[in-house]
Amino acid sequence: MNDQKVYDYIRFNFVLSPKHKHALELMAENDRESMSTILRGLILQEAKLRGLWLPVRETKPAPAAPPPPDPTENQVQP
């Protein structure tokens, strides 16, 4: 089984003003990231600040079953 996460990607087409685009380009250049990575990070940061990004709950394994009782413990000795 493949352990990679599967995501549904949505492509957004929107217009940025020249100033916004330039700022985004500079941020990406300074961080050595792509503009889309910078945008995703900004969205994540703002969503967390607003309480909109809920952490993923990690599932914990079920507790192990107790060992079977020792049949010799309850025997009556003559």
N, C-alpha and C. Protein backbone atom coordinates (compact mmCIF):
# COMPACT_ATOMS: atom_id res chain seq x y z
N MET A 1 0.84 -1.19 0.00
CA MET A 1 0.00 0.00 0.00
C MET A 1 0.88 1.25 0.00
N ASN A 2 0.48 2.25 -0.71
CA ASN A 2 1.23 3.49 -0.81
C ASN A 2 0.91 4.38 0.38
N ASP A 3 1.94 4.86 1.09
CA ASP A 3 1.74 5.68 2.28
C ASP A 3 1.64 7.17 1.98
N GLN A 4 1.71 7.56 0.70
CA GLN A 4 1.63 8.98 0.36
C GLN A 4 0.22 9.49 0.58
N LYS A 5 0.13 10.76 1.00
CA LYS A 5 -1.17 11.38 1.20
C LYS A 5 -1.74 11.76 -0.17
N VAL A 6 -3.03 11.68 -0.28
CA VAL A 6 -3.71 12.04 -1.51
C VAL A 6 -4.46 13.34 -1.26
N TYR A 7 -4.22 14.32 -2.11
CA TYR A 7 -4.86 15.61 -1.97
C TYR A 7 -5.68 15.91 -3.22
N ASP A 8 -6.75 16.65 -3.03
CA ASP A 8 -7.50 17.18 -4.15
C ASP A 8 -7.01 18.61 -4.35
N TYR A 9 -6.35 18.86 -5.46
CA TYR A 9 -5.82 20.18 -5.73
C TYR A 9 -6.81 20.99 -6.53
N ILE A 10 -6.90 22.27 -6.20
CA ILE A 10 -7.75 23.19 -6.92
C ILE A 10 -6.85 24.28 -7.48
N ARG A 11 -7.00 24.57 -8.74
CA ARG A 11 -6.20 25.63 -9.35
C ARG A 11 -7.01 26.92 -9.29
N PHE A 12 -6.40 27.96 -8.71
CA PHE A 12 -7.05 29.26 -8.63
C PHE A 12 -6.42 30.19 -9.67
N ASN A 13 -7.24 30.82 -10.42
CA ASN A 13 -6.77 31.86 -11.34
C ASN A 13 -7.31 33.18 -10.82
N PHE A 14 -6.41 34.06 -10.45
CA PHE A 14 -6.84 35.36 -9.94
C PHE A 14 -5.82 36.40 -10.35
N VAL A 15 -6.21 37.63 -10.22
CA VAL A 15 -5.39 38.74 -10.66
C VAL A 15 -4.75 39.40 -9.45
N LEU A 16 -3.46 39.64 -9.54
CA LEU A 16 -2.75 40.40 -8.52
C LEU A 16 -2.34 41.73 -9.13
N SER A 17 -2.39 42.75 -8.32
CA SER A 17 -1.88 44.03 -8.80
C SER A 17 -0.37 43.89 -8.98
N PRO A 18 0.24 44.75 -9.78
CA PRO A 18 1.70 44.67 -9.95
C PRO A 18 2.44 44.76 -8.61
N LYS A 19 1.94 45.57 -7.67
CA LYS A 19 2.61 45.69 -6.36
C LYS A 19 2.50 44.39 -5.57
N HIS A 20 1.31 43.78 -5.60
CA HIS A 20 1.14 42.51 -4.88
C HIS A 20 2.01 41.42 -5.50
N LYS A 21 2.03 41.37 -6.82
CA LYS A 21 2.84 40.35 -7.50
C LYS A 21 4.31 40.55 -7.20
N HIS A 22 4.77 41.80 -7.21
CA HIS A 22 6.18 42.08 -6.93
C HIS A 22 6.52 41.68 -5.49
N ALA A 23 5.63 42.00 -4.55
CA ALA A 23 5.87 41.63 -3.15
C ALA A 23 5.94 40.12 -3.00
N LEU A 24 5.03 39.42 -3.67
CA LEU A 24 5.02 37.96 -3.61
C LEU A 24 6.29 37.37 -4.22
N GLU A 25 6.73 37.94 -5.34
CA GLU A 25 7.97 37.48 -5.98
C GLU A 25 9.16 37.69 -5.05
N LEU A 26 9.22 38.85 -4.38
CA LEU A 26 10.33 39.12 -3.46
C LEU A 26 10.31 38.17 -2.27
N MET A 27 9.12 37.90 -1.74
CA MET A 27 9.01 36.96 -0.62
C MET A 27 9.49 35.58 -1.04
N ALA A 28 9.07 35.14 -2.22
CA ALA A 28 9.47 33.83 -2.72
C ALA A 28 10.97 33.77 -2.95
N GLU A 29 11.51 34.84 -3.50
CA GLU A 29 12.95 34.88 -3.77
C GLU A 29 13.74 34.85 -2.46
N ASN A 30 13.31 35.64 -1.48
CA ASN A 30 14.02 35.69 -0.20
C ASN A 30 13.96 34.35 0.54
N ASP A 31 12.83 33.67 0.44
CA ASP A 31 12.66 32.38 1.13
C ASP A 31 13.12 31.20 0.28
N ARG A 32 13.51 31.49 -0.96
CA ARG A 32 13.91 30.45 -1.91
C ARG A 32 12.81 29.40 -2.07
N GLU A 33 11.59 29.89 -2.20
CA GLU A 33 10.42 29.05 -2.39
C GLU A 33 9.67 29.53 -3.62
N SER A 34 8.67 28.77 -4.02
CA SER A 34 7.83 29.21 -5.13
C SER A 34 6.77 30.18 -4.60
N MET A 35 6.19 30.94 -5.50
CA MET A 35 5.14 31.87 -5.09
C MET A 35 3.94 31.11 -4.54
N SER A 36 3.65 29.95 -5.10
CA SER A 36 2.50 29.17 -4.60
C SER A 36 2.78 28.65 -3.19
N THR A 37 4.01 28.28 -2.89
CA THR A 37 4.36 27.83 -1.54
C THR A 37 4.19 28.97 -0.54
N ILE A 38 4.61 30.17 -0.95
CA ILE A 38 4.45 31.34 -0.08
C ILE A 38 2.96 31.61 0.17
N LEU A 39 2.15 31.56 -0.88
CA LEU A 39 0.71 31.78 -0.72
C LEU A 39 0.07 30.74 0.19
N ARG A 40 0.45 29.47 0.02
CA ARG A 40 -0.10 28.43 0.89
C ARG A 40 0.28 28.68 2.34
N GLY A 41 1.52 29.09 2.57
CA GLY A 41 1.97 29.39 3.93
C GLY A 41 1.20 30.55 4.55
N LEU A 42 0.96 31.59 3.74
CA LEU A 42 0.20 32.74 4.24
C LEU A 42 -1.24 32.35 4.56
N ILE A 43 -1.83 31.53 3.71
CA ILE A 43 -3.20 31.07 3.95
C ILE A 43 -3.25 30.25 5.24
N LEU A 44 -2.30 29.34 5.40
CA LEU A 44 -2.25 28.51 6.60
C LEU A 44 -2.08 29.35 7.85
N GLN A 45 -1.17 30.32 7.79
CA GLN A 45 -0.92 31.19 8.94
C GLN A 45 -2.18 31.97 9.32
N GLU A 46 -2.85 32.55 8.35
CA GLU A 46 -4.06 33.32 8.64
C GLU A 46 -5.20 32.42 9.12
N ALA A 47 -5.32 31.25 8.54
CA ALA A 47 -6.37 30.32 8.97
C ALA A 47 -6.16 29.89 10.41
N LYS A 48 -4.92 29.66 10.81
CA LYS A 48 -4.63 29.28 12.20
C LYS A 48 -4.95 30.43 13.15
N LEU A 49 -4.59 31.67 12.74
CA LEU A 49 -4.89 32.83 13.58
C LEU A 49 -6.39 32.99 13.80
N ARG A 50 -7.17 32.67 12.79
CA ARG A 50 -8.62 32.82 12.88
C ARG A 50 -9.32 31.59 13.47
N GLY A 51 -8.55 30.57 13.80
CA GLY A 51 -9.13 29.35 14.36
C GLY A 51 -9.85 28.50 13.33
N LEU A 52 -9.49 28.67 12.07
CA LEU A 52 -10.15 27.92 11.00
C LEU A 52 -9.41 26.66 10.61
N TRP A 53 -8.18 26.53 11.06
CA TRP A 53 -7.36 25.38 10.68
C TRP A 53 -7.27 24.48 11.88
N LEU A 54 -7.93 23.36 11.81
CA LEU A 54 -7.92 22.43 12.93
C LEU A 54 -6.79 21.43 12.74
N PRO A 55 -6.05 21.16 13.80
CA PRO A 55 -4.98 20.18 13.67
C PRO A 55 -5.54 18.79 13.37
N VAL A 56 -4.78 18.03 12.67
CA VAL A 56 -5.19 16.66 12.34
C VAL A 56 -4.99 15.82 13.59
N ARG A 57 -6.04 15.13 13.97
CA ARG A 57 -5.93 14.25 15.14
C ARG A 57 -5.18 13.00 14.75
N GLU A 58 -4.18 12.70 15.53
CA GLU A 58 -3.44 11.47 15.28
C GLU A 58 -4.18 10.33 15.97
N THR A 59 -4.38 9.27 15.25
CA THR A 59 -5.05 8.13 15.84
C THR A 59 -4.05 7.34 16.66
N LYS A 60 -4.47 6.98 17.85
CA LYS A 60 -3.61 6.19 18.72
C LYS A 60 -4.01 4.73 18.58
N PRO A 61 -3.03 3.85 18.60
CA PRO A 61 -3.39 2.43 18.50
C PRO A 61 -4.20 2.01 19.72
N ALA A 62 -5.07 1.06 19.51
CA ALA A 62 -5.89 0.54 20.60
C ALA A 62 -4.98 -0.10 21.64
N PRO A 63 -5.35 0.00 22.92
CA PRO A 63 -4.50 -0.62 23.94
C PRO A 63 -4.45 -2.13 23.74
N ALA A 64 -3.33 -2.67 24.09
CA ALA A 64 -3.15 -4.12 23.94
C ALA A 64 -4.06 -4.86 24.91
N ALA A 65 -4.53 -5.99 24.48
CA ALA A 65 -5.39 -6.82 25.33
C ALA A 65 -4.55 -7.36 26.48
N PRO A 66 -5.16 -7.47 27.67
CA PRO A 66 -4.40 -8.02 28.80
C PRO A 66 -4.06 -9.48 28.53
N PRO A 67 -2.97 -9.94 29.12
CA PRO A 67 -2.61 -11.34 28.89
C PRO A 67 -3.65 -12.26 29.50
N PRO A 68 -3.80 -13.45 28.96
CA PRO A 68 -4.79 -14.38 29.52
C PRO A 68 -4.39 -14.76 30.95
N PRO A 69 -5.37 -15.05 31.79
CA PRO A 69 -5.05 -15.40 33.18
C PRO A 69 -4.27 -16.72 33.23
N ASP A 70 -3.44 -16.79 34.22
CA ASP A 70 -2.65 -18.00 34.42
C ASP A 70 -3.55 -19.05 35.08
N PRO A 71 -3.79 -20.18 34.42
CA PRO A 71 -4.71 -21.18 34.99
C PRO A 71 -4.19 -21.79 36.29
N THR A 72 -2.92 -21.69 36.56
CA THR A 72 -2.38 -22.30 37.78
C THR A 72 -2.59 -21.41 39.00
N GLU A 73 -2.95 -20.16 38.82
CA GLU A 73 -3.11 -19.25 39.96
C GLU A 73 -4.32 -19.60 40.82
N ASN A 74 -5.40 -20.02 40.22
CA ASN A 74 -6.64 -20.25 40.97
C ASN A 74 -6.85 -21.71 41.37
N GLN A 75 -5.87 -22.54 41.17
CA GLN A 75 -6.03 -23.95 41.55
C GLN A 75 -5.87 -24.10 43.06
N VAL A 76 -6.71 -24.95 43.62
CA VAL A 76 -6.62 -25.24 45.05
C VAL A 76 -5.63 -26.38 45.21
N GLN A 77 -4.68 -26.15 46.09
CA GLN A 77 -3.68 -27.18 46.32
C GLN A 77 -4.13 -28.09 47.45
N PRO A 78 -3.98 -29.40 47.28
CA PRO A 78 -4.41 -30.33 48.35
C PRO A 78 -3.49 -30.32 49.54
